[in-house]
PDB file of all heavy atoms in Angstrom:
ATOM      1  N   LEU A   1       0.881  -1.178   0.015  1.00  0.00           N
ATOM      2  CA  LEU A   1      -0.036   0.013   0.007  1.00  0.00           C
ATOM      3  C   LEU A   1       0.894   1.239  -0.002  1.00  0.00           C
ATOM      4  O   LEU A   1       1.662   1.428   0.872  1.00  0.00           O
ATOM      5  CB  LEU A   1      -0.910  -0.033   1.211  1.00  0.00           C
ATOM      6  CG  LEU A   1      -2.020   1.036   1.221  1.00  0.00           C
ATOM      7  CD1 LEU A   1      -2.968   0.821   0.019  1.00  0.00           C
ATOM      8  CD2 LEU A   1      -2.785   1.017   2.513  1.00  0.00           C
ATOM      9  N   THR A   2       0.802   2.052  -1.058  1.00  0.00           N
ATOM     10  CA  THR A   2       1.678   3.213  -1.276  1.00  0.00           C
ATOM     11  C   THR A   2       0.967   4.480  -1.325  1.00  0.00           C
ATOM     12  O   THR A   2      -0.070   4.621  -2.009  1.00  0.00           O
ATOM     13  CB  THR A   2       2.453   2.977  -2.648  1.00  0.00           C
ATOM     14  OG1 THR A   2       3.106   1.682  -2.607  1.00  0.00           O
ATOM     15  CG2 THR A   2       3.462   4.039  -2.833  1.00  0.00           C
ATOM     16  N   GLN A   3       1.509   5.422  -0.626  1.00  0.00           N
ATOM     17  CA  GLN A   3       0.915   6.810  -0.629  1.00  0.00           C
ATOM     18  C   GLN A   3       1.374   7.613  -1.830  1.00  0.00           C
ATOM     19  O   GLN A   3       2.560   7.466  -2.231  1.00  0.00           O
ATOM     20  CB  GLN A   3       1.381   7.561   0.656  1.00  0.00           C
ATOM     21  CG  GLN A   3       0.920   6.922   1.947  1.00  0.00           C
ATOM     22  CD  GLN A   3       1.401   7.694   3.125  1.00  0.00           C
ATOM     23  OE1 GLN A   3       2.377   8.437   3.076  1.00  0.00           O
ATOM     24  NE2 GLN A   3       0.754   7.488   4.326  1.00  0.00           N
ATOM     25  N   PRO A   4       0.524   8.430  -2.448  1.00  0.00           N
ATOM     26  CA  PRO A   4       0.919   9.233  -3.603  1.00  0.00           C
ATOM     27  C   PRO A   4       1.864  10.262  -3.101  1.00  0.00           C
ATOM     28  O   PRO A   4       1.857  10.753  -1.944  1.00  0.00           O
ATOM     29  CB  PRO A   4      -0.411   9.836  -4.100  1.00  0.00           C
ATOM     30  CG  PRO A   4      -1.377   9.709  -3.015  1.00  0.00           C
ATOM     31  CD  PRO A   4      -0.964   8.478  -2.156  1.00  0.00           C
ATOM     32  N   PRO A   5       2.822  10.722  -3.992  1.00  0.00           N
ATOM     33  CA  PRO A   5       3.833  11.746  -3.648  1.00  0.00           C
ATOM     34  C   PRO A   5       3.197  12.961  -3.046  1.00  0.00           C
ATOM     35  O   PRO A   5       3.789  13.613  -2.157  1.00  0.00           O
ATOM     36  CB  PRO A   5       4.579  11.962  -4.878  1.00  0.00           C
ATOM     37  CG  PRO A   5       4.470  10.619  -5.640  1.00  0.00           C
ATOM     38  CD  PRO A   5       3.104  10.150  -5.344  1.00  0.00           C
ATOM     39  N   VAL A   6       2.076  13.446  -3.575  1.00  0.00           N
ATOM     40  CA  VAL A   6       1.482  14.706  -3.096  1.00  0.00           C
ATOM     41  C   VAL A   6       1.042  14.522  -1.646  1.00  0.00           C
ATOM     42  O   VAL A   6       1.194  15.450  -0.838  1.00  0.00           O
ATOM     43  CB  VAL A   6       0.290  15.079  -3.980  1.00  0.00           C
ATOM     44  CG1 VAL A   6      -0.639  16.092  -3.196  1.00  0.00           C
ATOM     45  CG2 VAL A   6       0.750  15.763  -5.279  1.00  0.00           C
ATOM     46  N   LYS A   7       0.562  13.345  -1.277  1.00  0.00           N
ATOM     47  CA  LYS A   7       0.202  13.141   0.134  1.00  0.00           C
ATOM     48  C   LYS A   7       1.391  13.206   1.094  1.00  0.00           C
ATOM     49  O   LYS A   7       1.339  13.857   2.125  1.00  0.00           O
ATOM     50  CB  LYS A   7      -0.481  11.747   0.278  1.00  0.00           C
ATOM     51  CG  LYS A   7      -0.947  11.421   1.724  1.00  0.00           C
ATOM     52  CD  LYS A   7      -1.588  10.068   1.841  1.00  0.00           C
ATOM     53  CE  LYS A   7      -2.015   9.772   3.163  1.00  0.00           C
ATOM     54  NZ  LYS A   7      -2.680   8.412   3.251  1.00  0.00           N
ATOM     55  N   ILE A   8       2.478  12.621   0.640  1.00  0.00           N
ATOM     56  CA  ILE A   8       3.699  12.640   1.448  1.00  0.00           C
ATOM     57  C   ILE A   8       4.200  14.002   1.633  1.00  0.00           C
ATOM     58  O   ILE A   8       4.532  14.436   2.750  1.00  0.00           O
ATOM     59  CB  ILE A   8       4.771  11.687   0.802  1.00  0.00           C
ATOM     60  CG1 ILE A   8       4.329  10.271   0.813  1.00  0.00           C
ATOM     61  CG2 ILE A   8       6.133  11.829   1.547  1.00  0.00           C
ATOM     62  CD1 ILE A   8       5.160   9.336  -0.017  1.00  0.00           C
ATOM     63  N   THR A   9       4.270  14.796   0.589  1.00  0.00           N
ATOM     64  CA  THR A   9       4.742  16.153   0.594  1.00  0.00           C
ATOM     65  C   THR A   9       3.827  17.039   1.444  1.00  0.00           C
ATOM     66  O   THR A   9       4.289  17.850   2.236  1.00  0.00           O
ATOM     67  CB  THR A   9       4.922  16.746  -0.804  1.00  0.00           C
ATOM     68  OG1 THR A   9       5.861  15.920  -1.499  1.00  0.00           O
ATOM     69  CG2 THR A   9       5.334  18.172  -0.762  1.00  0.00           C
ATOM     70  N   ALA A  10       2.531  16.873   1.244  1.00  0.00           N
ATOM     71  CA  ALA A  10       1.541  17.702   2.039  1.00  0.00           C
ATOM     72  C   ALA A  10       1.738  17.475   3.551  1.00  0.00           C
ATOM     73  O   ALA A  10       1.695  18.361   4.314  1.00  0.00           O
ATOM     74  CB  ALA A  10       0.120  17.379   1.584  1.00  0.00           C
ATOM     75  N   GLN A  11       1.906  16.177   3.915  1.00  0.00           N
ATOM     76  CA  GLN A  11       2.070  15.874   5.335  1.00  0.00           C
ATOM     77  C   GLN A  11       3.345  16.461   5.842  1.00  0.00           C
ATOM     78  O   GLN A  11       3.383  17.011   6.980  1.00  0.00           O
ATOM     79  CB  GLN A  11       2.090  14.342   5.491  1.00  0.00           C
ATOM     80  CG  GLN A  11       0.756  13.714   5.283  1.00  0.00           C
ATOM     81  CD  GLN A  11       0.723  12.163   5.311  1.00  0.00           C
ATOM     82  OE1 GLN A  11       1.779  11.558   5.041  1.00  0.00           O
ATOM     83  NE2 GLN A  11      -0.340  11.608   5.617  1.00  0.00           N
ATOM     84  N   GLU A  12       4.398  16.494   5.064  1.00  0.00           N
ATOM     85  CA  GLU A  12       5.685  17.178   5.457  1.00  0.00           C
ATOM     86  C   GLU A  12       5.480  18.620   5.710  1.00  0.00           C
ATOM     87  O   GLU A  12       6.137  19.224   6.582  1.00  0.00           O
ATOM     88  CB  GLU A  12       6.725  16.936   4.430  1.00  0.00           C
ATOM     89  CG  GLU A  12       7.268  15.522   4.326  1.00  0.00           C
ATOM     90  CD  GLU A  12       8.213  15.321   3.162  1.00  0.00           C
ATOM     91  OE1 GLU A  12       8.460  16.270   2.411  1.00  0.00           O
ATOM     92  OE2 GLU A  12       8.720  14.141   3.004  1.00  0.00           O
ATOM     93  N   LEU A  13       4.594  19.250   4.865  1.00  0.00           N
ATOM     94  CA  LEU A  13       4.370  20.690   4.974  1.00  0.00           C
ATOM     95  C   LEU A  13       3.238  21.040   5.904  1.00  0.00           C
ATOM     96  O   LEU A  13       2.986  22.238   6.125  1.00  0.00           O
ATOM     97  CB  LEU A  13       3.977  21.223   3.594  1.00  0.00           C
ATOM     98  CG  LEU A  13       5.088  21.086   2.499  1.00  0.00           C
ATOM     99  CD1 LEU A  13       4.513  21.474   1.115  1.00  0.00           C
ATOM    100  CD2 LEU A  13       6.257  21.929   2.858  1.00  0.00           C
ATOM    101  N   GLY A  14       2.591  20.090   6.507  1.00  0.00           N
ATOM    102  CA  GLY A  14       1.513  20.346   7.486  1.00  0.00           C
ATOM    103  C   GLY A  14       0.237  20.712   6.777  1.00  0.00           C
ATOM    104  O   GLY A  14      -0.579  21.448   7.384  1.00  0.00           O
ATOM    105  N   ILE A  15       0.056  20.352   5.599  1.00  0.00           N
ATOM    106  CA  ILE A  15      -1.181  20.685   4.801  1.00  0.00           C
ATOM    107  C   ILE A  15      -2.181  19.525   4.913  1.00  0.00           C
ATOM    108  O   ILE A  15      -1.775  18.413   4.673  1.00  0.00           O
ATOM    109  CB  ILE A  15      -0.820  20.970   3.312  1.00  0.00           C
ATOM    110  CG1 ILE A  15       0.130  22.171   3.254  1.00  0.00           C
ATOM    111  CG2 ILE A  15      -2.062  21.172   2.449  1.00  0.00           C
ATOM    112  CD1 ILE A  15       0.716  22.353   1.833  1.00  0.00           C
ATOM    113  N   PRO A  16      -3.425  19.808   5.237  1.00  0.00           N
ATOM    114  CA  PRO A  16      -4.397  18.718   5.247  1.00  0.00           C
ATOM    115  C   PRO A  16      -4.515  17.982   3.949  1.00  0.00           C
ATOM    116  O   PRO A  16      -4.487  18.617   2.888  1.00  0.00           O
ATOM    117  CB  PRO A  16      -5.706  19.454   5.667  1.00  0.00           C
ATOM    118  CG  PRO A  16      -5.264  20.713   6.348  1.00  0.00           C
ATOM    119  CD  PRO A  16      -3.999  21.116   5.655  1.00  0.00           C
ATOM    120  N   VAL A  17      -4.717  16.691   4.039  1.00  0.00           N
ATOM    121  CA  VAL A  17      -4.799  15.896   2.792  1.00  0.00           C
ATOM    122  C   VAL A  17      -6.190  15.261   2.658  1.00  0.00           C
ATOM    123  O   VAL A  17      -6.786  14.766   3.632  1.00  0.00           O
ATOM    124  CB  VAL A  17      -3.789  14.703   2.840  1.00  0.00           C
ATOM    125  CG1 VAL A  17      -3.920  13.837   1.648  1.00  0.00           C
ATOM    126  CG2 VAL A  17      -2.400  15.276   2.917  1.00  0.00           C
ATOM    127  N   LEU A  18      -6.771  15.356   1.489  1.00  0.00           N
ATOM    128  CA  LEU A  18      -8.026  14.701   1.146  1.00  0.00           C
ATOM    129  C   LEU A  18      -7.863  13.737   0.018  1.00  0.00           C
ATOM    130  O   LEU A  18      -7.144  14.077  -0.994  1.00  0.00           O
ATOM    131  CB  LEU A  18      -9.069  15.805   0.731  1.00  0.00           C
ATOM    132  CG  LEU A  18      -9.419  16.890   1.831  1.00  0.00           C
ATOM    133  CD1 LEU A  18     -10.280  17.901   1.233  1.00  0.00           C
ATOM    134  CD2 LEU A  18     -10.082  16.249   3.090  1.00  0.00           C
ATOM    135  N   GLN A  19      -8.447  12.496   0.119  1.00  0.00           N
ATOM    136  CA  GLN A  19      -8.251  11.538  -0.908  1.00  0.00           C
ATOM    137  C   GLN A  19      -9.601  10.852  -1.271  1.00  0.00           C
ATOM    138  O   GLN A  19      -9.852   9.753  -1.065  1.00  0.00           O
ATOM    139  CB  GLN A  19      -7.294  10.451  -0.402  1.00  0.00           C
ATOM    140  CG  GLN A  19      -5.882  10.903  -0.141  1.00  0.00           C
ATOM    141  CD  GLN A  19      -4.964   9.830   0.451  1.00  0.00           C
ATOM    142  OE1 GLN A  19      -5.022   9.599   1.649  1.00  0.00           O
ATOM    143  NE2 GLN A  19      -4.250   9.153  -0.426  1.00  0.00           N
ATOM    144  N   PRO A  20     -10.443  11.683  -1.955  1.00  0.00           N
ATOM    145  CA  PRO A  20     -11.774  11.114  -2.347  1.00  0.00           C
ATOM    146  C   PRO A  20     -11.588   9.965  -3.424  1.00  0.00           C
ATOM    147  O   PRO A  20     -10.806  10.086  -4.334  1.00  0.00           O
ATOM    148  CB  PRO A  20     -12.495  12.299  -2.967  1.00  0.00           C
ATOM    149  CG  PRO A  20     -11.394  13.183  -3.402  1.00  0.00           C
ATOM    150  CD  PRO A  20     -10.255  13.069  -2.416  1.00  0.00           C
ATOM    151  N   ALA A  21     -12.326   8.902  -3.223  1.00  0.00           N
ATOM    152  CA  ALA A  21     -12.285   7.844  -4.215  1.00  0.00           C
ATOM    153  C   ALA A  21     -13.018   8.215  -5.503  1.00  0.00           C
ATOM    154  O   ALA A  21     -12.659   7.667  -6.550  1.00  0.00           O
ATOM    155  CB  ALA A  21     -12.998   6.583  -3.578  1.00  0.00           C
ATOM    156  N   THR A  22     -13.921   9.101  -5.426  1.00  0.00           N
ATOM    157  CA  THR A  22     -14.616   9.565  -6.651  1.00  0.00           C
ATOM    158  C   THR A  22     -15.061  11.024  -6.421  1.00  0.00           C
ATOM    159  O   THR A  22     -15.224  11.474  -5.288  1.00  0.00           O
ATOM    160  CB  THR A  22     -15.823   8.717  -6.915  1.00  0.00           C
ATOM    161  OG1 THR A  22     -16.492   9.187  -8.086  1.00  0.00           O
ATOM    162  CG2 THR A  22     -16.838   8.697  -5.763  1.00  0.00           C
ATOM    163  N   LEU A  23     -15.226  11.720  -7.547  1.00  0.00           N
ATOM    164  CA  LEU A  23     -15.820  13.076  -7.500  1.00  0.00           C
ATOM    165  C   LEU A  23     -17.190  13.137  -7.943  1.00  0.00           C
ATOM    166  O   LEU A  23     -17.813  14.217  -8.040  1.00  0.00           O
ATOM    167  CB  LEU A  23     -14.987  14.005  -8.347  1.00  0.00           C
ATOM    168  CG  LEU A  23     -13.436  14.136  -8.072  1.00  0.00           C
ATOM    169  CD1 LEU A  23     -12.791  15.080  -9.023  1.00  0.00           C
ATOM    170  CD2 LEU A  23     -13.216  14.536  -6.621  1.00  0.00           C
ATOM    171  N   LYS A  24     -17.783  11.961  -8.223  1.00  0.00           N
ATOM    172  CA  LYS A  24     -19.065  11.937  -8.940  1.00  0.00           C
ATOM    173  C   LYS A  24     -20.309  11.819  -8.034  1.00  0.00           C
ATOM    174  O   LYS A  24     -21.439  12.049  -8.434  1.00  0.00           O
ATOM    175  CB  LYS A  24     -19.089  10.758  -9.916  1.00  0.00           C
ATOM    176  CG  LYS A  24     -18.113  10.860 -11.003  1.00  0.00           C
ATOM    177  CD  LYS A  24     -18.153   9.675 -11.943  1.00  0.00           C
ATOM    178  CE  LYS A  24     -17.100   9.827 -13.063  1.00  0.00           C
ATOM    179  NZ  LYS A  24     -17.117   8.607 -13.987  1.00  0.00           N
ATOM    180  N   ASP A  25     -20.055  11.378  -6.738  1.00  0.00           N
ATOM    181  CA  ASP A  25     -21.245  11.185  -5.839  1.00  0.00           C
ATOM    182  C   ASP A  25     -21.717  12.373  -5.042  1.00  0.00           C
ATOM    183  O   ASP A  25     -22.648  12.285  -4.276  1.00  0.00           O
ATOM    184  CB  ASP A  25     -20.956   9.981  -4.942  1.00  0.00           C
ATOM    185  CG  ASP A  25     -19.818  10.210  -4.054  1.00  0.00           C
ATOM    186  OD1 ASP A  25     -19.269  11.333  -3.983  1.00  0.00           O
ATOM    187  OD2 ASP A  25     -19.406   9.214  -3.308  1.00  0.00           O
ATOM    188  N   GLY A  26     -20.999  13.470  -5.131  1.00  0.00           N
ATOM    189  CA  GLY A  26     -21.401  14.723  -4.493  1.00  0.00           C
ATOM    190  C   GLY A  26     -20.869  14.846  -3.086  1.00  0.00           C
ATOM    191  O   GLY A  26     -20.860  15.909  -2.532  1.00  0.00           O
ATOM    192  N   ALA A  27     -20.278  13.780  -2.451  1.00  0.00           N
ATOM    193  CA  ALA A  27     -19.799  13.831  -1.130  1.00  0.00           C
ATOM    194  C   ALA A  27     -18.624  14.792  -1.007  1.00  0.00           C
ATOM    195  O   ALA A  27     -18.514  15.646  -0.128  1.00  0.00           O
ATOM    196  CB  ALA A  27     -19.352  12.461  -0.649  1.00  0.00           C
TER     197      ALA A  27
END
């Protein structure tokens, strides 16, 4: 299980991370 590079960098910078599985359901 591998984290995407943007997630790793955002965590280093203290930026909240969001990882929606889809953009189609409105959530």
